[in-house]
Structure formats: C-alpha cells, structure tokens
Amino acid sequence: MSFGYMGQGTHYLANKVGEALAERPTDLVVLGGVNDAASGRSAAHAIEGLKRVYAAAKAAGVRVVGVTITPWGAYRRTNARQQAVSAAVNRWVLNEAPVDAAVDTSVLGDADGRLLSRYDSGDHLHLNAAGQRALGRQIYEAAFR
C-alpha cells in the first residue's frame, strides 16, 4: 500500500502518517525532504518532520526504513543551497536517523547529484519506471534481504 503525497513537505507527512499506520503495517518506508529543500526550507525543518514520522511509526511498533532524497541536481529550478539542504538531510538519514534501515539513493545519480538519465522521467526530478525498479532494489537490499 502506498501513501505518497506529491508536492508536500515532511511536516505534512508527519500530520498524515496516522493514515498509513491505521493499516497496521509491519514496515514503513519513508522518503521525504525534497519538497522542503525545493521550497527553501532548512535541513533542520525537514529533519524535524522526518523525526516526527519515524517516532510515530516506532510508537506503533512499526519498523522504519529511511530513504535518502533521490538525486535532483539537474532539475531546472534547483540551486546550490537547495542541494546543500538535500545533502544534509541525506547525511542525517544515513548516519543519525532513528531508523531500522537506511537506503542510500545516491547510486541513482552521478557524482554531481544529477539523476542518471536511465532513471529520469524527463524532468530531472522524478524517477521513471526503471528508476522506480532500481529504487525498489535498493530498498530491498538495504532493508529486506
């Protein structure tokens, strides 16, 4: 089951996580933060929202899989500050977040943080079908293998 909220930030996710938890999952895979960065919010703001999501899941006895923000450095409206926010959120997810498993999506991009063309839907932000499969493999390898 999917509870994706396109165009929303992590605080919106935190306010909606109860909908996902009402389904009584055993695991919750959480990818959030790009909309916070894109809208000019700080890494601290995005991290606070993610902490709330993770805490709600943990309180419900749900295993949490944290996924880093996917590469989006070539998106037409991105800038260095937004990319720095994404990088800070990603470092936190990988190194400090209270998650049961962390998924590093950097393998979907190049050294400059741009989504690889084979995974790009065309807007340099969203994953195409091949990118979704690759992300699914990354999640499986990191969290469910």
Protein backbone atom coordinates (compact mmCIF):
# COMPACT_ATOMS: atom_id res chain seq x y z
CA MET A 1 0.00 0.00 0.00
CA SER A 2 1.28 3.46 -0.81
CA PHE A 3 0.66 6.74 0.97
CA GLY A 4 2.56 9.12 -1.29
CA TYR A 5 1.88 12.84 -1.02
CA MET A 6 3.49 14.51 -4.00
CA GLY A 7 4.36 18.15 -3.58
CA GLN A 8 4.18 18.04 0.22
CA GLY A 9 6.87 18.52 2.81
CA THR A 10 7.88 16.38 5.77
CA HIS A 11 5.61 18.18 8.24
CA TYR A 12 2.63 17.30 6.04
CA LEU A 13 3.85 13.68 6.08
CA ALA A 14 4.08 13.81 9.85
CA ASN A 15 0.48 15.02 10.05
CA LYS A 16 -0.69 12.24 7.71
CA VAL A 17 1.38 9.28 8.96
CA GLY A 18 -1.56 8.11 11.05
CA GLU A 19 -3.36 7.15 7.84
CA ALA A 20 -0.60 4.73 6.94
CA LEU A 21 -0.29 3.42 10.49
CA ALA A 22 -4.05 2.76 10.62
CA GLU A 23 -3.40 0.00 8.06
CA ARG A 24 -1.24 -1.77 10.67
CA PRO A 25 1.91 -2.20 8.59
CA THR A 26 4.94 -4.08 9.84
CA ASP A 27 7.28 -1.71 7.98
CA LEU A 28 7.10 1.91 6.88
CA VAL A 29 9.35 3.11 4.05
CA VAL A 30 9.81 6.88 4.26
CA LEU A 31 11.28 9.08 1.53
CA GLY A 32 10.81 12.77 2.25
CA GLY A 33 12.57 16.10 2.21
CA VAL A 34 12.92 17.13 -1.42
CA ASN A 35 9.88 19.40 -1.26
CA ASP A 36 11.20 21.00 1.91
CA ALA A 37 14.52 21.72 0.17
CA ALA A 38 12.84 22.87 -3.04
CA SER A 39 10.63 25.32 -1.17
CA GLY A 40 13.59 26.92 0.61
CA ARG A 41 13.13 25.22 3.97
CA SER A 42 16.16 24.27 6.03
CA ALA A 43 17.59 20.82 6.61
CA ALA A 44 16.59 21.18 10.27
CA HIS A 45 12.98 21.74 9.20
CA ALA A 46 12.95 18.63 7.00
CA ILE A 47 14.69 16.54 9.65
CA GLU A 48 12.21 17.62 12.32
CA GLY A 49 9.34 16.45 10.10
CA LEU A 50 11.07 13.14 9.42
CA LYS A 51 11.73 12.66 13.14
CA ARG A 52 8.01 13.04 13.80
CA VAL A 53 7.15 10.45 11.12
CA TYR A 54 9.75 7.99 12.42
CA ALA A 55 8.67 8.49 16.05
CA ALA A 56 5.01 7.86 15.23
CA ALA A 57 5.90 4.66 13.43
CA LYS A 58 8.19 3.47 16.21
CA ALA A 59 5.50 4.22 18.81
CA ALA A 60 3.15 1.99 16.80
CA GLY A 61 5.74 -0.83 16.80
CA VAL A 62 6.48 -0.41 13.10
CA ARG A 63 9.91 -0.99 11.59
CA VAL A 64 11.16 2.20 9.85
CA VAL A 65 13.11 2.28 6.60
CA GLY A 66 14.55 5.73 5.92
CA VAL A 67 15.26 6.56 2.29
CA THR A 68 17.52 9.44 1.30
CA ILE A 69 16.33 12.17 -1.05
CA THR A 70 16.88 10.98 -4.61
CA PRO A 71 19.32 12.94 -6.78
CA TRP A 72 17.71 16.02 -8.34
CA GLY A 73 20.65 18.32 -9.07
CA ALA A 74 19.74 18.81 -12.72
CA TYR A 75 16.16 19.87 -12.04
CA ARG A 76 15.55 23.22 -13.75
CA ARG A 77 14.66 25.08 -10.56
CA THR A 78 17.36 23.79 -8.24
CA ASN A 79 20.19 25.79 -6.76
CA ALA A 80 23.27 25.15 -4.63
CA ARG A 81 21.50 25.99 -1.35
CA GLN A 82 18.71 23.50 -2.05
CA GLN A 83 21.24 20.83 -2.93
CA ALA A 84 23.11 21.54 0.31
CA VAL A 85 19.86 21.04 2.24
CA SER A 86 19.28 17.73 0.45
CA ALA A 87 22.83 16.61 1.21
CA ALA A 88 22.45 17.49 4.90
CA VAL A 89 19.16 15.60 5.16
CA ASN A 90 20.70 12.62 3.40
CA ARG A 91 23.71 12.56 5.74
CA TRP A 92 21.34 12.60 8.70
CA VAL A 93 19.19 9.76 7.31
CA LEU A 94 22.27 7.62 6.67
CA ASN A 95 24.20 8.38 9.86
CA GLU A 96 21.94 9.62 12.64
CA ALA A 97 18.27 8.94 11.94
CA PRO A 98 16.45 6.59 14.32
CA VAL A 99 15.63 4.08 11.59
CA ASP A 100 15.90 0.32 11.38
CA ALA A 101 17.41 0.50 7.91
CA ALA A 102 18.70 3.38 5.79
CA VAL A 103 18.64 3.40 1.99
CA ASP A 104 21.21 5.44 0.10
CA THR A 105 19.76 6.60 -3.23
CA SER A 106 22.96 8.29 -4.40
CA VAL A 107 23.60 5.31 -6.71
CA LEU A 108 20.70 6.61 -8.83
CA GLY A 109 22.69 9.74 -9.63
CA ASP A 110 26.06 10.91 -10.83
CA ALA A 111 28.90 12.45 -8.83
CA ASP A 112 27.30 15.90 -9.19
CA GLY A 113 23.96 14.80 -7.72
CA ARG A 114 22.09 14.62 -11.01
CA LEU A 115 19.64 11.79 -11.61
CA LEU A 116 21.10 9.33 -14.13
CA SER A 117 19.34 9.60 -17.49
CA ARG A 118 18.35 5.93 -17.46
CA TYR A 119 16.31 6.59 -14.29
CA ASP A 120 14.99 10.04 -15.20
CA SER A 121 11.32 10.56 -16.13
CA GLY A 122 12.44 13.54 -18.21
CA ASP A 123 12.08 16.34 -15.67
CA HIS A 124 15.37 15.54 -13.86
CA LEU A 125 13.41 15.16 -10.61
CA HIS A 126 11.11 12.14 -10.74
CA LEU A 127 12.04 8.53 -11.36
CA ASN A 128 10.85 6.70 -14.45
CA ALA A 129 9.81 3.02 -14.30
CA ALA A 130 13.44 1.86 -14.46
CA GLY A 131 14.31 4.28 -11.66
CA GLN A 132 11.43 3.04 -9.55
CA ARG A 133 12.62 -0.55 -10.04
CA ALA A 134 16.18 0.46 -9.13
CA LEU A 135 14.94 2.24 -6.01
CA GLY A 136 12.88 -0.82 -5.11
CA ARG A 137 16.01 -2.98 -5.42
CA GLN A 138 17.94 -0.54 -3.21
CA ILE A 139 15.21 -0.69 -0.57
CA TYR A 140 15.08 -4.48 -0.74
CA GLU A 141 18.86 -4.86 -0.46
CA ALA A 142 19.17 -2.42 2.44
CA ALA A 143 16.12 -3.40 4.44
CA PHE A 144 14.60 -6.72 3.50
CA ARG A 145 17.29 -9.03 2.17
